[in-house]
C-alpha atoms as a PDB file:
ATOM      1  CA  MET A   1      90.783  83.284  97.151  1.00  0.00           C
ATOM      2  CA  VAL A   2      94.538  83.567  97.642  1.00  0.00           C
ATOM      3  CA  ILE A   3      97.125  81.739  95.522  1.00  0.00           C
ATOM      4  CA  VAL A   4     100.584  81.248  97.028  1.00  0.00           C
ATOM      5  CA  ARG A   5     103.466  80.282  94.707  1.00  0.00           C
ATOM      6  CA  GLY A   6     106.823  79.066  95.925  1.00  0.00           C
ATOM      7  CA  LEU A   7     109.306  76.255  96.187  1.00  0.00           C
ATOM      8  CA  THR A   8     109.179  72.826  97.776  1.00  0.00           C
ATOM      9  CA  SER A   9     112.085  70.862  99.221  1.00  0.00           C
ATOM     10  CA  GLN A  10     112.320  68.959  95.914  1.00  0.00           C
ATOM     11  CA  GLY A  11     115.701  69.353  94.195  1.00  0.00           C
ATOM     12  CA  ARG A  12     115.812  71.496  91.073  1.00  0.00           C
ATOM     13  CA  VAL A  13     118.181  73.039  88.557  1.00  0.00           C
ATOM     14  CA  ALA A  14     117.672  76.632  87.409  1.00  0.00           C
ATOM     15  CA  LYS A  15     119.404  78.649  84.713  1.00  0.00           C
ATOM     16  CA  ALA A  16     121.490  81.590  85.885  1.00  0.00           C
ATOM     17  CA  GLN A  17     119.609  84.887  85.486  1.00  0.00           C
ATOM     18  CA  ALA A  18     116.399  83.060  84.601  1.00  0.00           C
ATOM     19  CA  ALA A  19     113.515  85.435  84.048  1.00  0.00           C
ATOM     20  CA  GLY A  20     109.941  84.857  85.084  1.00  0.00           C
ATOM     21  CA  ASP A  21     108.296  82.657  87.666  1.00  0.00           C
ATOM     22  CA  SER A  22     110.650  79.940  88.945  1.00  0.00           C
ATOM     23  CA  SER A  23     108.197  78.457  91.458  1.00  0.00           C
ATOM     24  CA  ASN A  24     107.581  74.723  91.321  1.00  0.00           C
ATOM     25  CA  ALA A  25     104.433  74.631  93.462  1.00  0.00           C
ATOM     26  CA  SER A  26     101.301  76.632  94.141  1.00  0.00           C
ATOM     27  CA  ARG A  27      98.561  76.376  96.738  1.00  0.00           C
ATOM     28  CA  THR A  28      95.068  77.863  96.558  1.00  0.00           C
ATOM     29  CA  LEU A  29      93.778  78.995  99.930  1.00  0.00           C
ATOM     30  CA  GLN A  30      90.512  80.322 101.266  1.00  0.00           C
ATOM     31  CA  ALA A  31      91.534  82.984 103.781  1.00  0.00           C
ATOM     32  CA  VAL A  32      89.299  84.715 106.299  1.00  0.00           C
ATOM     33  CA  PHE A  33      90.426  88.309 106.634  1.00  0.00           C
ATOM     34  CA  ASN A  34      90.069  90.028 109.997  1.00  0.00           C
ATOM     35  CA  PRO A  35      89.460  93.764 110.383  1.00  0.00           C
ATOM     36  CA  GLY A  36      92.438  95.847 111.429  1.00  0.00           C
ATOM     37  CA  GLU A  37      92.836  99.560 112.071  1.00  0.00           C
ATOM     38  CA  GLY A  38      90.983 101.838 109.696  1.00  0.00           C
ATOM     39  CA  ARG A  39      90.246 100.026 106.446  1.00  0.00           C
ATOM     40  CA  ASP A  40      93.073  97.477 106.747  1.00  0.00           C
ATOM     41  CA  VAL A  41      92.461  93.740 106.874  1.00  0.00           C
ATOM     42  CA  PHE A  42      94.863  90.910 107.587  1.00  0.00           C
ATOM     43  CA  ALA A  43      95.069  87.117 107.533  1.00  0.00           C
ATOM     44  CA  ALA A  44      97.646  84.576 108.642  1.00  0.00           C
ATOM     45  CA  LEU A  45      98.359  81.970 105.962  1.00  0.00           C
ATOM     46  CA  TRP A  46      99.784  78.507 106.645  1.00  0.00           C
ATOM     47  CA  VAL A  47     101.118  76.816 103.499  1.00  0.00           C
ATOM     48  CA  PRO A  48     102.251  73.244 104.229  1.00  0.00           C
ATOM     49  CA  GLY A  49     104.764  71.774 101.785  1.00  0.00           C
ATOM     50  CA  LEU A  50     106.368  75.041 100.665  1.00  0.00           C
ATOM     51  CA  THR A  51     109.869  75.811 101.890  1.00  0.00           C
ATOM     52  CA  SER A  52     109.768  79.380 100.555  1.00  0.00           C
ATOM     53  CA  VAL A  53     107.145  81.736  99.145  1.00  0.00           C
ATOM     54  CA  GLN A  54     107.853  83.684  95.973  1.00  0.00           C
ATOM     55  CA  SER A  55     104.509  85.401  95.419  1.00  0.00           C
ATOM     56  CA  ILE A  56     101.046  85.790  96.893  1.00  0.00           C
ATOM     57  CA  ALA A  57      98.088  86.728  94.683  1.00  0.00           C
ATOM     58  CA  LEU A  58      94.655  87.845  95.828  1.00  0.00           C
ATOM     59  CA  GLU A  59      92.297  86.741  93.054  1.00  0.00           C
ATOM     60  CA  SER A  60      88.840  87.100  94.591  1.00  0.00           C
ATOM     61  CA  VAL A  61      87.032  88.330  97.678  1.00  0.00           C
ATOM     62  CA  THR A  62      83.686  87.007  98.902  1.00  0.00           C
ATOM     63  CA  TYR A  63      81.910  89.407 101.233  1.00  0.00           C
ATOM     64  CA  SER A  64      79.690  88.451 104.163  1.00  0.00           C
ATOM     65  CA  ASP A  65      76.577  89.249 102.062  1.00  0.00           C
ATOM     66  CA  GLY A  66      77.627  86.598  99.494  1.00  0.00           C
ATOM     67  CA  SER A  67      78.709  88.996  96.733  1.00  0.00           C
ATOM     68  CA  THR A  68      82.079  88.339  95.069  1.00  0.00           C
ATOM     69  CA  TRP A  69      84.763  90.628  93.659  1.00  0.00           C
ATOM     70  CA  LYS A  70      87.158  88.911  91.212  1.00  0.00           C
ATOM     71  CA  LEU A  71      90.575  89.928  89.912  1.00  0.00           C
ATOM     72  CA  LEU A  72      91.675  87.375  87.339  1.00  0.00           C
ATOM     73  CA  GLY A  73      94.752  86.941  85.172  1.00  0.00           C
ATOM     74  CA  ASP A  74      97.057  89.930  85.013  1.00  0.00           C
ATOM     75  CA  ASN A  75      94.604  91.973  87.092  1.00  0.00           C
ATOM     76  CA  ALA A  76      95.191  89.925  90.256  1.00  0.00           C
ATOM     77  CA  CYS A  77      96.710  91.767  93.193  1.00  0.00           C
ATOM     78  CA  ARG A  78     100.207  90.236  93.616  1.00  0.00           C
ATOM     79  CA  VAL A  79     102.997  90.799  96.101  1.00  0.00           C
ATOM     80  CA  ALA A  80     106.442  89.263  96.558  1.00  0.00           C
ATOM     81  CA  PRO A  81     107.321  88.763 100.231  1.00  0.00           C
ATOM     82  CA  GLU A  82     110.478  90.178 101.805  1.00  0.00           C
ATOM     83  CA  PRO A  83     113.328  87.923 100.559  1.00  0.00           C
ATOM     84  CA  ILE A  84     115.001  87.738 103.981  1.00  0.00           C
ATOM     85  CA  MET A  85     113.639  84.928 106.135  1.00  0.00           C
ATOM     86  CA  LEU A  86     114.286  85.181 109.862  1.00  0.00           C
ATOM     87  CA  VAL A  87     114.912  81.833 111.533  1.00  0.00           C
ATOM     88  CA  ASN A  88     114.058  81.371 115.183  1.00  0.00           C
ATOM     89  CA  GLY A  89     116.306  79.002 117.138  1.00  0.00           C
ATOM     90  CA  ARG A  90     114.580  76.063 118.785  1.00  0.00           C
END
């Protein structure tokens, strides 16, 4: 299970130098990871309704044999995406 936190197009006011999570939306996704080179895996995530992503957390993995590995709370594997978003002209 992957949880993506970010912002929607909804207007908001934020304090200057606010600490902590400023996201106003989160989406829980079931992602199917594909094998890459070596022991790497990857998945493409589509998150409708979010205009930017602030963090992605991997909270559990279900293997093909049905067993599950869970990382809950502060133990979840989290990453903040690169803050620069490239925009492709249409």
